[in-house]
């Protein structure tokens, strides 16, 4: 199975930036679809961004983060990144990296492997 480990979370002031990283190990494939989700206390886990597997590597974003967040991947290093800019207090959540197989859905059920999450806190 694939193991996913997120890192890069922390405390940042509104308007600041953070880069989250997801390191994948185990049975990984360049064709895997990868995504970031987030979950705030008492709320449902929600889709943030995704990038499809090789060769297209097409990115898609939730409307709430378009223009502010960028997802990218480095197949040679088995890593996926989420660059977050102009952060807002409402971005505060635990961010999770996820892996899926064929298809490019944005529901939690479309992804079978998950990381442990990394906390992002945006202060006012």
PDB file of N, CA and C in Angstrom:
ATOM      1  N   UNK A   1       0.824  -1.199   0.000  1.00  0.00           N
ATOM      2  CA  UNK A   1       0.000   0.000   0.000  1.00  0.00           C
ATOM      3  C   UNK A   1       0.861   1.253   0.000  1.00  0.00           C
ATOM      4  N   UNK A   2       0.243   2.359  -0.379  1.00  0.00           N
ATOM      5  CA  UNK A   2       0.924   3.640  -0.443  1.00  0.00           C
ATOM      6  C   UNK A   2       0.847   4.321   0.915  1.00  0.00           C
ATOM      7  N   UNK A   3       1.960   4.905   1.327  1.00  0.00           N
ATOM      8  CA  UNK A   3       1.998   5.719   2.533  1.00  0.00           C
ATOM      9  C   UNK A   3       2.167   7.177   2.147  1.00  0.00           C
ATOM     10  N   UNK A   4       1.391   8.045   2.769  1.00  0.00           N
ATOM     11  CA  UNK A   4       1.431   9.472   2.491  1.00  0.00           C
ATOM     12  C   UNK A   4       1.709  10.222   3.779  1.00  0.00           C
ATOM     13  N   UNK A   5       2.679  11.122   3.748  1.00  0.00           N
ATOM     14  CA  UNK A   5       3.048  11.900   4.919  1.00  0.00           C
ATOM     15  C   UNK A   5       3.076  13.370   4.559  1.00  0.00           C
ATOM     16  N   UNK A   6       2.206  14.154   5.208  1.00  0.00           N
ATOM     17  CA  UNK A   6       2.146  15.587   4.965  1.00  0.00           C
ATOM     18  C   UNK A   6       3.092  16.331   5.897  1.00  0.00           C
ATOM     19  N   UNK A   7       3.552  17.487   5.441  1.00  0.00           N
ATOM     20  CA  UNK A   7       4.381  18.356   6.255  1.00  0.00           C
ATOM     21  C   UNK A   7       4.233  19.786   5.755  1.00  0.00           C
ATOM     22  N   UNK A   8       4.699  20.734   6.547  1.00  0.00           N
ATOM     23  CA  UNK A   8       4.703  22.126   6.135  1.00  0.00           C
ATOM     24  C   UNK A   8       3.653  22.997   6.781  1.00  0.00           C
ATOM     25  N   UNK A   9       2.763  22.406   7.562  1.00  0.00           N
ATOM     26  CA  UNK A   9       1.741  23.195   8.222  1.00  0.00           C
ATOM     27  C   UNK A   9       2.331  24.055   9.327  1.00  0.00           C
ATOM     28  N   UNK A  10       1.529  24.990   9.811  1.00  0.00           N
ATOM     29  CA  UNK A  10       1.979  25.865  10.869  1.00  0.00           C
ATOM     30  C   UNK A  10       1.050  27.035  11.056  1.00  0.00           C
ATOM     31  N   UNK A  11       1.521  28.020  11.805  1.00  0.00           N
ATOM     32  CA  UNK A  11       0.763  29.232  12.086  1.00  0.00           C
ATOM     33  C   UNK A  11       1.265  30.356  11.197  1.00  0.00           C
ATOM     34  N   UNK A  12       0.343  31.027  10.537  1.00  0.00           N
ATOM     35  CA  UNK A  12       0.704  32.118   9.642  1.00  0.00           C
ATOM     36  C   UNK A  12      -0.339  33.226   9.763  1.00  0.00           C
ATOM     37  N   UNK A  13       0.086  34.449   9.574  1.00  0.00           N
ATOM     38  CA  UNK A  13      -0.834  35.574   9.601  1.00  0.00           C
ATOM     39  C   UNK A  13      -1.614  35.665   8.299  1.00  0.00           C
ATOM     40  N   UNK A  14      -2.795  36.236   8.371  1.00  0.00           N
ATOM     41  CA  UNK A  14      -3.603  36.434   7.174  1.00  0.00           C
ATOM     42  C   UNK A  14      -2.802  37.187   6.118  1.00  0.00           C
ATOM     43  N   UNK A  15      -2.905  36.721   4.879  1.00  0.00           N
ATOM     44  CA  UNK A  15      -2.147  37.302   3.792  1.00  0.00           C
ATOM     45  C   UNK A  15      -0.823  36.626   3.536  1.00  0.00           C
ATOM     46  N   UNK A  16      -0.418  35.755   4.436  1.00  0.00           N
ATOM     47  CA  UNK A  16       0.845  35.060   4.301  1.00  0.00           C
ATOM     48  C   UNK A  16       0.751  33.832   3.425  1.00  0.00           C
ATOM     49  N   UNK A  17       1.855  33.098   3.356  1.00  0.00           N
ATOM     50  CA  UNK A  17       1.945  31.932   2.492  1.00  0.00           C
ATOM     51  C   UNK A  17       2.543  30.744   3.228  1.00  0.00           C
ATOM     52  N   UNK A  18       2.178  29.563   2.780  1.00  0.00           N
ATOM     53  CA  UNK A  18       2.738  28.318   3.273  1.00  0.00           C
ATOM     54  C   UNK A  18       2.836  27.339   2.118  1.00  0.00           C
ATOM     55  N   UNK A  19       3.789  26.438   2.216  1.00  0.00           N
ATOM     56  CA  UNK A  19       3.893  25.347   1.255  1.00  0.00           C
ATOM     57  C   UNK A  19       3.757  24.019   1.974  1.00  0.00           C
ATOM     58  N   UNK A  20       2.737  23.275   1.613  1.00  0.00           N
ATOM     59  CA  UNK A  20       2.543  21.945   2.146  1.00  0.00           C
ATOM     60  C   UNK A  20       3.163  20.926   1.202  1.00  0.00           C
ATOM     61  N   UNK A  21       3.704  19.866   1.777  1.00  0.00           N
ATOM     62  CA  UNK A  21       4.307  18.810   0.989  1.00  0.00           C
ATOM     63  C   UNK A  21       3.730  17.465   1.391  1.00  0.00           C
ATOM     64  N   UNK A  22       3.639  16.574   0.438  1.00  0.00           N
ATOM     65  CA  UNK A  22       3.152  15.222   0.665  1.00  0.00           C
ATOM     66  C   UNK A  22       4.155  14.258   0.070  1.00  0.00           C
ATOM     67  N   UNK A  23       4.782  13.482   0.918  1.00  0.00           N
ATOM     68  CA  UNK A  23       5.752  12.491   0.481  1.00  0.00           C
ATOM     69  C   UNK A  23       5.074  11.132   0.380  1.00  0.00           C
ATOM     70  N   UNK A  24       5.175  10.520  -0.780  1.00  0.00           N
ATOM     71  CA  UNK A  24       4.560   9.220  -1.019  1.00  0.00           C
ATOM     72  C   UNK A  24       5.624   8.134  -1.063  1.00  0.00           C
ATOM     73  N   UNK A  25       5.312   7.004  -0.478  1.00  0.00           N
ATOM     74  CA  UNK A  25       6.219   5.870  -0.500  1.00  0.00           C
ATOM     75  C   UNK A  25       5.422   4.584  -0.644  1.00  0.00           C
ATOM     76  N   UNK A  26       6.119   3.515  -0.944  1.00  0.00           N
ATOM     77  CA  UNK A  26       5.456   2.247  -1.145  1.00  0.00           C
ATOM     78  C   UNK A  26       5.108   2.032  -2.610  1.00  0.00           C
ATOM     79  N   UNK A  27       3.965   1.435  -2.840  1.00  0.00           N
ATOM     80  CA  UNK A  27       3.540   1.108  -4.192  1.00  0.00           C
ATOM     81  C   UNK A  27       2.901   2.324  -4.854  1.00  0.00           C
ATOM     82  N   UNK A  28       3.760   3.175  -5.412  1.00  0.00           N
ATOM     83  CA  UNK A  28       3.294   4.400  -6.056  1.00  0.00           C
ATOM     84  C   UNK A  28       3.446   4.304  -7.569  1.00  0.00           C
ATOM     85  N   UNK A  29       2.614   5.072  -8.259  1.00  0.00           N
ATOM     86  CA  UNK A  29       2.635   5.100  -9.712  1.00  0.00           C
ATOM     87  C   UNK A  29       2.487   6.534 -10.180  1.00  0.00           C
ATOM     88  N   UNK A  30       3.159   6.863 -11.270  1.00  0.00           N
ATOM     89  CA  UNK A  30       3.061   8.202 -11.820  1.00  0.00           C
ATOM     90  C   UNK A  30       1.667   8.492 -12.360  1.00  0.00           C
ATOM     91  N   UNK A  31       0.888   7.456 -12.591  1.00  0.00           N
ATOM     92  CA  UNK A  31      -0.470   7.626 -13.089  1.00  0.00           C
ATOM     93  C   UNK A  31      -1.484   7.895 -11.985  1.00  0.00           C
ATOM     94  N   UNK A  32      -1.065   7.865 -10.734  1.00  0.00           N
ATOM     95  CA  UNK A  32      -1.976   8.101  -9.616  1.00  0.00           C
ATOM     96  C   UNK A  32      -2.516   9.521  -9.627  1.00  0.00           C
ATOM     97  N   UNK A  33      -3.791   9.648  -9.278  1.00  0.00           N
ATOM     98  CA  UNK A  33      -4.375  10.962  -9.042  1.00  0.00           C
ATOM     99  C   UNK A  33      -4.116  11.362  -7.594  1.00  0.00           C
ATOM    100  N   UNK A  34      -3.711  12.605  -7.392  1.00  0.00           N
ATOM    101  CA  UNK A  34      -3.399  13.094  -6.059  1.00  0.00           C
ATOM    102  C   UNK A  34      -4.243  14.321  -5.745  1.00  0.00           C
ATOM    103  N   UNK A  35      -4.547  14.504  -4.463  1.00  0.00           N
ATOM    104  CA  UNK A  35      -5.400  15.619  -4.086  1.00  0.00           C
ATOM    105  C   UNK A  35      -5.093  16.093  -2.676  1.00  0.00           C
ATOM    106  N   UNK A  36      -5.560  17.300  -2.383  1.00  0.00           N
ATOM    107  CA  UNK A  36      -5.532  17.854  -1.042  1.00  0.00           C
ATOM    108  C   UNK A  36      -6.962  18.125  -0.591  1.00  0.00           C
ATOM    109  N   UNK A  37      -7.273  17.715   0.618  1.00  0.00           N
ATOM    110  CA  UNK A  37      -8.533  18.013   1.274  1.00  0.00           C
ATOM    111  C   UNK A  37      -8.232  18.733   2.576  1.00  0.00           C
ATOM    112  N   UNK A  38      -9.249  19.344   3.159  1.00  0.00           N
ATOM    113  CA  UNK A  38      -9.069  19.973   4.459  1.00  0.00           C
ATOM    114  C   UNK A  38     -10.322  19.787   5.297  1.00  0.00           C
ATOM    115  N   UNK A  39     -10.130  19.829   6.603  1.00  0.00           N
ATOM    116  CA  UNK A  39     -11.245  19.648   7.518  1.00  0.00           C
ATOM    117  C   UNK A  39     -11.066  20.522   8.746  1.00  0.00           C
ATOM    118  N   UNK A  40     -12.026  21.386   8.973  1.00  0.00           N
ATOM    119  CA  UNK A  40     -12.047  22.223  10.159  1.00  0.00           C
ATOM    120  C   UNK A  40     -12.865  21.524  11.240  1.00  0.00           C
ATOM    121  N   UNK A  41     -12.620  21.826  12.521  1.00  0.00           N
ATOM    122  CA  UNK A  41     -13.370  21.179  13.601  1.00  0.00           C
ATOM    123  C   UNK A  41     -14.873  21.332  13.424  1.00  0.00           C
ATOM    124  N   UNK A  42     -15.589  20.225  13.537  1.00  0.00           N
ATOM    125  CA  UNK A  42     -17.033  20.242  13.437  1.00  0.00           C
ATOM    126  C   UNK A  42     -17.578  20.352  12.029  1.00  0.00           C
ATOM    127  N   UNK A  43     -16.705  20.327  11.035  1.00  0.00           N
ATOM    128  CA  UNK A  43     -17.147  20.448   9.658  1.00  0.00           C
ATOM    129  C   UNK A  43     -16.733  19.238   8.832  1.00  0.00           C
ATOM    130  N   UNK A  44     -17.368  19.095   7.682  1.00  0.00           N
ATOM    131  CA  UNK A  44     -17.061  17.997   6.779  1.00  0.00           C
ATOM    132  C   UNK A  44     -15.721  18.218   6.101  1.00  0.00           C
ATOM    133  N   UNK A  45     -15.071  17.119   5.775  1.00  0.00           N
ATOM    134  CA  UNK A  45     -13.849  17.212   5.005  1.00  0.00           C
ATOM    135  C   UNK A  45     -14.198  17.684   3.592  1.00  0.00           C
ATOM    136  N   UNK A  46     -13.475  18.691   3.102  1.00  0.00           N
ATOM    137  CA  UNK A  46     -13.802  19.275   1.822  1.00  0.00           C
ATOM    138  C   UNK A  46     -12.622  19.250   0.860  1.00  0.00           C
ATOM    139  N   UNK A  47     -12.957  19.166  -0.407  1.00  0.00           N
ATOM    140  CA  UNK A  47     -11.970  19.156  -1.461  1.00  0.00           C
ATOM    141  C   UNK A  47     -11.296  20.512  -1.596  1.00  0.00           C
ATOM    142  N   UNK A  48      -9.989  20.497  -1.830  1.00  0.00           N
ATOM    143  CA  UNK A  48      -9.228  21.726  -2.012  1.00  0.00           C
ATOM    144  C   UNK A  48      -8.620  21.798  -3.412  1.00  0.00           C
ATOM    145  N   UNK A  49      -7.842  20.790  -3.777  1.00  0.00           N
ATOM    146  CA  UNK A  49      -7.163  20.788  -5.066  1.00  0.00           C
ATOM    147  C   UNK A  49      -6.782  19.369  -5.440  1.00  0.00           C
ATOM    148  N   UNK A  50      -6.630  19.121  -6.730  1.00  0.00           N
ATOM    149  CA  UNK A  50      -6.221  17.808  -7.211  1.00  0.00           C
ATOM    150  C   UNK A  50      -5.382  17.953  -8.455  1.00  0.00           C
ATOM    151  N   UNK A  51      -4.582  16.935  -8.720  1.00  0.00           N
ATOM    152  CA  UNK A  51      -3.793  16.893  -9.942  1.00  0.00           C
ATOM    153  C   UNK A  51      -3.843  15.472 -10.472  1.00  0.00           C
ATOM    154  N   UNK A  52      -4.176  15.334 -11.751  1.00  0.00           N
ATOM    155  CA  UNK A  52      -4.324  14.019 -12.334  1.00  0.00           C
ATOM    156  C   UNK A  52      -2.965  13.398 -12.624  1.00  0.00           C
ATOM    157  N   UNK A  53      -2.974  12.089 -12.803  1.00  0.00           N
ATOM    158  CA  UNK A  53      -1.729  11.382 -13.036  1.00  0.00           C
ATOM    159  C   UNK A  53      -1.118  11.635 -14.402  1.00  0.00           C
ATOM    160  N   UNK A  54       0.089  11.164 -14.544  1.00  0.00           N
ATOM    161  CA  UNK A  54       0.785  11.241 -15.826  1.00  0.00           C
ATOM    162  C   UNK A  54      -0.061  10.596 -16.912  1.00  0.00           C
ATOM    163  N   UNK A  55      -0.073  11.124 -18.126  1.00  0.00           N
ATOM    164  CA  UNK A  55       0.793  12.199 -18.611  1.00  0.00           C
ATOM    165  C   UNK A  55       0.179  13.595 -18.561  1.00  0.00           C
ATOM    166  N   UNK A  56      -1.134  13.729 -18.353  1.00  0.00           N
ATOM    167  CA  UNK A  56      -1.770  15.039 -18.463  1.00  0.00           C
ATOM    168  C   UNK A  56      -1.457  15.957 -17.281  1.00  0.00           C
ATOM    169  N   UNK A  57      -1.436  15.402 -16.066  1.00  0.00           N
ATOM    170  CA  UNK A  57      -1.151  16.185 -14.863  1.00  0.00           C
ATOM    171  C   UNK A  57      -2.001  17.446 -14.813  1.00  0.00           C
ATOM    172  N   UNK A  58      -3.296  17.273 -15.002  1.00  0.00           N
ATOM    173  CA  UNK A  58      -4.220  18.398 -15.016  1.00  0.00           C
ATOM    174  C   UNK A  58      -4.641  18.760 -13.601  1.00  0.00           C
ATOM    175  N   UNK A  59      -4.630  20.038 -13.305  1.00  0.00           N
ATOM    176  CA  UNK A  59      -4.982  20.524 -11.976  1.00  0.00           C
ATOM    177  C   UNK A  59      -6.407  21.055 -11.940  1.00  0.00           C
ATOM    178  N   UNK A  60      -7.055  20.910 -10.787  1.00  0.00           N
ATOM    179  CA  UNK A  60      -8.377  21.482 -10.564  1.00  0.00           C
ATOM    180  C   UNK A  60      -8.459  21.956  -9.120  1.00  0.00           C
ATOM    181  N   UNK A  61      -9.287  22.969  -8.882  1.00  0.00           N
ATOM    182  CA  UNK A  61      -9.336  23.607  -7.584  1.00  0.00           C
ATOM    183  C   UNK A  61     -10.763  23.884  -7.143  1.00  0.00           C
ATOM    184  N   UNK A  62     -10.945  23.895  -5.838  1.00  0.00           N
ATOM    185  CA  UNK A  62     -12.196  24.378  -5.296  1.00  0.00           C
ATOM    186  C   UNK A  62     -12.303  25.874  -5.568  1.00  0.00           C
ATOM    187  N   UNK A  63     -13.521  26.355  -5.768  1.00  0.00           N
ATOM    188  CA  UNK A  63     -13.711  27.771  -6.063  1.00  0.00           C
ATOM    189  C   UNK A  63     -13.137  28.669  -4.968  1.00  0.00           C
ATOM    190  N   UNK A  64     -13.172  28.208  -3.744  1.00  0.00           N
ATOM    191  CA  UNK A  64     -12.730  29.017  -2.621  1.00  0.00           C
ATOM    192  C   UNK A  64     -11.227  29.278  -2.606  1.00  0.00           C
ATOM    193  N   UNK A  65     -10.458  28.489  -3.361  1.00  0.00           N
ATOM    194  CA  UNK A  65      -9.003  28.650  -3.342  1.00  0.00           C
ATOM    195  C   UNK A  65      -8.429  28.998  -4.704  1.00  0.00           C
ATOM    196  N   UNK A  66      -9.251  29.067  -5.732  1.00  0.00           N
ATOM    197  CA  UNK A  66      -8.753  29.404  -7.063  1.00  0.00           C
ATOM    198  C   UNK A  66      -8.061  30.762  -7.057  1.00  0.00           C
ATOM    199  N   UNK A  67      -6.911  30.808  -7.698  1.00  0.00           N
ATOM    200  CA  UNK A  67      -6.142  32.035  -7.752  1.00  0.00           C
ATOM    201  C   UNK A  67      -5.233  32.240  -6.564  1.00  0.00           C
ATOM    202  N   UNK A  68      -5.394  31.431  -5.510  1.00  0.00           N
ATOM    203  CA  UNK A  68      -4.572  31.565  -4.314  1.00  0.00           C
ATOM    204  C   UNK A  68      -3.696  30.344  -4.065  1.00  0.00           C
ATOM    205  N   UNK A  69      -4.207  29.160  -4.376  1.00  0.00           N
ATOM    206  CA  UNK A  69      -3.482  27.914  -4.134  1.00  0.00           C
ATOM    207  C   UNK A  69      -3.024  27.306  -5.451  1.00  0.00           C
ATOM    208  N   UNK A  70      -1.893  26.615  -5.413  1.00  0.00           N
ATOM    209  CA  UNK A  70      -1.372  25.920  -6.577  1.00  0.00           C
ATOM    210  C   UNK A  70      -0.902  24.531  -6.174  1.00  0.00           C
ATOM    211  N   UNK A  71      -1.390  23.515  -6.876  1.00  0.00           N
ATOM    212  CA  UNK A  71      -0.955  22.150  -6.625  1.00  0.00           C
ATOM    213  C   UNK A  71       0.057  21.756  -7.693  1.00  0.00           C
ATOM    214  N   UNK A  72       1.073  21.028  -7.293  1.00  0.00           N
ATOM    215  CA  UNK A  72       2.096  20.578  -8.221  1.00  0.00           C
ATOM    216  C   UNK A  72       2.659  19.249  -7.744  1.00  0.00           C
ATOM    217  N   UNK A  73       3.383  18.582  -8.614  1.00  0.00           N
ATOM    218  CA  UNK A  73       3.990  17.310  -8.241  1.00  0.00           C
ATOM    219  C   UNK A  73       5.342  17.142  -8.897  1.00  0.00           C
ATOM    220  N   UNK A  74       6.156  16.328  -8.257  1.00  0.00           N
ATOM    221  CA  UNK A  74       7.468  15.974  -8.775  1.00  0.00           C
ATOM    222  C   UNK A  74       7.528  14.450  -8.771  1.00  0.00           C
ATOM    223  N   UNK A  75       7.344  13.857  -9.927  1.00  0.00           N
ATOM    224  CA  UNK A  75       7.291  12.401 -10.019  1.00  0.00           C
ATOM    225  C   UNK A  75       8.617  11.738  -9.640  1.00  0.00           C
ATOM    226  N   UNK A  76       9.722  12.405  -9.923  1.00  0.00           N
ATOM    227  CA  UNK A  76      11.022  11.826  -9.602  1.00  0.00           C
ATOM    228  C   UNK A  76      11.250  11.739  -8.101  1.00  0.00           C
ATOM    229  N   UNK A  77      10.574  12.592  -7.335  1.00  0.00           N
ATOM    230  CA  UNK A  77      10.728  12.601  -5.885  1.00  0.00           C
ATOM    231  C   UNK A  77       9.510  12.044  -5.161  1.00  0.00           C
ATOM    232  N   UNK A  78       8.505  11.638  -5.917  1.00  0.00           N
ATOM    233  CA  UNK A  78       7.260  11.119  -5.342  1.00  0.00           C
ATOM    234  C   UNK A  78       6.669  12.083  -4.324  1.00  0.00           C
ATOM    235  N   UNK A  79       6.602  13.341  -4.709  1.00  0.00           N
ATOM    236  CA  UNK A  79       6.067  14.363  -3.822  1.00  0.00           C
ATOM    237  C   UNK A  79       4.998  15.186  -4.527  1.00  0.00           C
ATOM    238  N   UNK A  80       4.050  15.661  -3.732  1.00  0.00           N
ATOM    239  CA  UNK A  80       3.014  16.572  -4.190  1.00  0.00           C
ATOM    240  C   UNK A  80       3.038  17.782  -3.275  1.00  0.00           C
ATOM    241  N   UNK A  81       2.895  18.958  -3.847  1.00  0.00           N
ATOM    242  CA  UNK A  81       2.943  20.189  -3.066  1.00  0.00           C
ATOM    243  C   UNK A  81       1.661  20.981  -3.217  1.00  0.00           C
ATOM    244  N   UNK A  82       1.378  21.766  -2.202  1.00  0.00           N
ATOM    245  CA  UNK A  82       0.289  22.723  -2.257  1.00  0.00           C
ATOM    246  C   UNK A  82       0.838  24.059  -1.794  1.00  0.00           C
ATOM    247  N   UNK A  83       0.998  24.976  -2.731  1.00  0.00           N
ATOM    248  CA  UNK A  83       1.463  26.311  -2.420  1.00  0.00           C
ATOM    249  C   UNK A  83       0.256  27.187  -2.133  1.00  0.00           C
ATOM    250  N   UNK A  84       0.191  27.716  -0.929  1.00  0.00           N
ATOM    251  CA  UNK A  84      -0.946  28.496  -0.484  1.00  0.00           C
ATOM    252  C   UNK A  84      -0.513  29.940  -0.295  1.00  0.00           C
ATOM    253  N   UNK A  85      -1.163  30.835  -1.012  1.00  0.00           N
ATOM    254  CA  UNK A  85      -0.862  32.257  -0.947  1.00  0.00           C
ATOM    255  C   UNK A  85      -2.087  33.037  -0.498  1.00  0.00           C
ATOM    256  N   UNK A  86      -1.843  34.233   0.007  1.00  0.00           N
ATOM    257  CA  UNK A  86      -2.925  35.103   0.476  1.00  0.00           C
ATOM    258  C   UNK A  86      -3.877  34.335   1.381  1.00  0.00           C
ATOM    259  N   UNK A  87      -3.323  33.693   2.375  1.00  0.00           N
ATOM    260  CA  UNK A  87      -4.126  32.869   3.274  1.00  0.00           C
ATOM    261  C   UNK A  87      -5.110  33.706   4.075  1.00  0.00           C
ATOM    262  N   UNK A  88      -6.264  33.107   4.334  1.00  0.00           N
ATOM    263  CA  UNK A  88      -7.338  33.742   5.072  1.00  0.00           C
ATOM    264  C   UNK A  88      -7.672  32.920   6.307  1.00  0.00           C
ATOM    265  N   UNK A  89      -8.243  33.542   7.337  1.00  0.00           N
ATOM    266  CA  UNK A  89      -8.618  32.781   8.536  1.00  0.00           C
ATOM    267  C   UNK A  89      -9.499  31.581   8.226  1.00  0.00           C
ATOM    268  N   UNK A  90     -10.364  31.678   7.236  1.00  0.00           N
ATOM    269  CA  UNK A  90     -11.230  30.565   6.888  1.00  0.00           C
ATOM    270  C   UNK A  90     -10.493  29.395   6.253  1.00  0.00           C
ATOM    271  N   UNK A  91      -9.210  29.567   5.951  1.00  0.00           N
ATOM    272  CA  UNK A  91      -8.393  28.466   5.458  1.00  0.00           C
ATOM    273  C   UNK A  91      -7.887  27.581   6.589  1.00  0.00           C
ATOM    274  N   UNK A  92      -8.105  27.994   7.826  1.00  0.00           N
ATOM    275  CA  UNK A  92      -7.655  27.225   8.976  1.00  0.00           C
ATOM    276  C   UNK A  92      -8.321  25.853   8.990  1.00  0.00           C
ATOM    277  N   UNK A  93      -7.507  24.808   9.016  1.00  0.00           N
ATOM    278  CA  UNK A  93      -8.014  23.440   8.983  1.00  0.00           C
ATOM    279  C   UNK A  93      -6.841  22.479   9.054  1.00  0.00           C
ATOM    280  N   UNK A  94      -7.162  21.206   9.212  1.00  0.00           N
ATOM    281  CA  UNK A  94      -6.181  20.157   9.014  1.00  0.00           C
ATOM    282  C   UNK A  94      -6.212  19.788   7.542  1.00  0.00           C
ATOM    283  N   UNK A  95      -5.062  19.802   6.913  1.00  0.00           N
ATOM    284  CA  UNK A  95      -4.966  19.512   5.499  1.00  0.00           C
ATOM    285  C   UNK A  95      -4.452  18.093   5.290  1.00  0.00           C
ATOM    286  N   UNK A  96      -5.137  17.357   4.422  1.00  0.00           N
ATOM    287  CA  UNK A  96      -4.819  15.963   4.165  1.00  0.00           C
ATOM    288  C   UNK A  96      -4.437  15.745   2.712  1.00  0.00           C
ATOM    289  N   UNK A  97      -3.426  14.937   2.500  1.00  0.00           N
ATOM    290  CA  UNK A  97      -3.043  14.484   1.179  1.00  0.00           C
ATOM    291  C   UNK A  97      -3.756  13.167   0.898  1.00  0.00           C
ATOM    292  N   UNK A  98      -4.190  12.968  -0.344  1.00  0.00           N
ATOM    293  CA  UNK A  98      -4.917  11.756  -0.697  1.00  0.00           C
ATOM    294  C   UNK A  98      -4.501  11.256  -2.072  1.00  0.00           C
ATOM    295  N   UNK A  99      -4.632   9.955  -2.254  1.00  0.00           N
ATOM    296  CA  UNK A  99      -4.307   9.299  -3.520  1.00  0.00           C
ATOM    297  C   UNK A  99      -5.501   8.503  -4.013  1.00  0.00           C
ATOM    298  N   UNK A 100      -5.739   8.589  -5.310  1.00  0.00           N
ATOM    299  CA  UNK A 100      -6.808   7.837  -5.930  1.00  0.00           C
ATOM    300  C   UNK A 100      -6.326   7.110  -7.159  1.00  0.00           C
ATOM    301  N   UNK A 101      -7.154   6.208  -7.648  1.00  0.00           N
ATOM    302  CA  UNK A 101      -6.847   5.468  -8.859  1.00  0.00           C
ATOM    303  C   UNK A 101      -7.405   6.154 -10.084  1.00  0.00           C
ATOM    304  N   UNK A 102      -7.746   5.367 -11.094  1.00  0.00           N
ATOM    305  CA  UNK A 102      -8.311   5.947 -12.316  1.00  0.00           C
ATOM    306  C   UNK A 102      -9.553   6.771 -12.027  1.00  0.00           C
ATOM    307  N   UNK A 103      -9.736   7.805 -12.805  1.00  0.00           N
ATOM    308  CA  UNK A 103     -10.832   8.715 -12.578  1.00  0.00           C
ATOM    309  C   UNK A 103     -10.321   9.983 -11.922  1.00  0.00           C
ATOM    310  N   UNK A 104     -11.134  11.007 -11.939  1.00  0.00           N
ATOM    311  CA  UNK A 104     -10.694  12.292 -11.416  1.00  0.00           C
ATOM    312  C   UNK A 104     -11.829  12.969 -10.649  1.00  0.00           C
ATOM    313  N   UNK A 105     -12.402  12.252  -9.706  1.00  0.00           N
ATOM    314  CA  UNK A 105     -13.452  12.808  -8.883  1.00  0.00           C
ATOM    315  C   UNK A 105     -12.888  13.677  -7.774  1.00  0.00           C
ATOM    316  N   UNK A 106     -13.778  14.371  -7.062  1.00  0.00           N
ATOM    317  CA  UNK A 106     -13.358  15.265  -5.988  1.00  0.00           C
ATOM    318  C   UNK A 106     -14.018  14.935  -4.658  1.00  0.00           C
ATOM    319  N   UNK A 107     -14.623  13.765  -4.555  1.00  0.00           N
ATOM    320  CA  UNK A 107     -15.230  13.327  -3.311  1.00  0.00           C
ATOM    321  C   UNK A 107     -14.229  12.508  -2.510  1.00  0.00           C
ATOM    322  N   UNK A 108     -14.408  12.482  -1.195  1.00  0.00           N
ATOM    323  CA  UNK A 108     -13.509  11.700  -0.355  1.00  0.00           C
ATOM    324  C   UNK A 108     -13.525  10.227  -0.739  1.00  0.00           C
ATOM    325  N   UNK A 109     -14.672   9.742  -1.208  1.00  0.00           N
ATOM    326  CA  UNK A 109     -14.803   8.342  -1.588  1.00  0.00           C
ATOM    327  C   UNK A 109     -14.024   7.997  -2.856  1.00  0.00           C
ATOM    328  N   UNK A 110     -13.554   8.988  -3.576  1.00  0.00           N
ATOM    329  CA  UNK A 110     -12.770   8.751  -4.782  1.00  0.00           C
ATOM    330  C   UNK A 110     -11.303   8.477  -4.481  1.00  0.00           C
ATOM    331  N   UNK A 111     -10.921   8.583  -3.207  1.00  0.00           N
ATOM    332  CA  UNK A 111      -9.527   8.430  -2.826  1.00  0.00           C
ATOM    333  C   UNK A 111      -9.398   7.368  -1.739  1.00  0.00           C
ATOM    334  N   UNK A 112      -8.496   6.430  -1.970  1.00  0.00           N
ATOM    335  CA  UNK A 112      -8.373   5.302  -1.068  1.00  0.00           C
ATOM    336  C   UNK A 112      -7.227   5.367  -0.082  1.00  0.00           C
ATOM    337  N   UNK A 113      -6.285   6.277  -0.279  1.00  0.00           N
ATOM    338  CA  UNK A 113      -5.142   6.411   0.617  1.00  0.00           C
ATOM    339  C   UNK A 113      -5.073   7.830   1.137  1.00  0.00           C
ATOM    340  N   UNK A 114      -4.799   7.968   2.438  1.00  0.00           N
ATOM    341  CA  UNK A 114      -4.775   9.271   3.086  1.00  0.00           C
ATOM    342  C   UNK A 114      -3.576   9.416   4.000  1.00  0.00           C
ATOM    343  N   UNK A 115      -3.072  10.649   4.084  1.00  0.00           N
ATOM    344  CA  UNK A 115      -2.025  10.950   5.040  1.00  0.00           C
ATOM    345  C   UNK A 115      -2.611  11.251   6.402  1.00  0.00           C
ATOM    346  N   UNK A 116      -1.748  11.570   7.356  1.00  0.00           N
ATOM    347  CA  UNK A 116      -2.191  11.821   8.728  1.00  0.00           C
ATOM    348  C   UNK A 116      -2.693  13.243   8.939  1.00  0.00           C
ATOM    349  N   UNK A 117      -2.400  14.127   8.014  1.00  0.00           N
ATOM    350  CA  UNK A 117      -2.843  15.503   8.096  1.00  0.00           C
ATOM    351  C   UNK A 117      -1.809  16.422   8.712  1.00  0.00           C
ATOM    352  N   UNK A 118      -1.863  17.692   8.337  1.00  0.00           N
ATOM    353  CA  UNK A 118      -1.000  18.712   8.907  1.00  0.00           C
ATOM    354  C   UNK A 118      -1.837  19.959   9.177  1.00  0.00           C
ATOM    355  N   UNK A 119      -1.654  20.542  10.358  1.00  0.00           N
ATOM    356  CA  UNK A 119      -2.479  21.664  10.790  1.00  0.00           C
ATOM    357  C   UNK A 119      -2.010  22.972  10.170  1.00  0.00           C
ATOM    358  N   UNK A 120      -2.958  23.712   9.622  1.00  0.00           N
ATOM    359  CA  UNK A 120      -2.709  25.056   9.126  1.00  0.00           C
ATOM    360  C   UNK A 120      -3.608  26.009   9.893  1.00  0.00           C
ATOM    361  N   UNK A 121      -3.015  26.990  10.547  1.00  0.00           N
ATOM    362  CA  UNK A 121      -3.768  27.971  11.306  1.00  0.00           C
ATOM    363  C   UNK A 121      -3.428  29.361  10.794  1.00  0.00           C
ATOM    364  N   UNK A 122      -4.453  30.097  10.401  1.00  0.00           N
ATOM    365  CA  UNK A 122      -4.274  31.444   9.869  1.00  0.00           C
ATOM    366  C   UNK A 122      -4.886  32.431  10.854  1.00  0.00           C
ATOM    367  N   UNK A 123      -4.077  33.305  11.387  1.00  0.00           N
ATOM    368  CA  UNK A 123      -4.535  34.277  12.370  1.00  0.00           C
ATOM    369  C   UNK A 123      -4.931  35.579  11.697  1.00  0.00           C
ATOM    370  N   UNK A 124      -5.791  36.335  12.378  1.00  0.00           N
ATOM    371  CA  UNK A 124      -6.230  37.637  11.876  1.00  0.00           C
ATOM    372  C   UNK A 124      -5.251  38.736  12.224  1.00  0.00           C
TER     373      UNK A 124
END
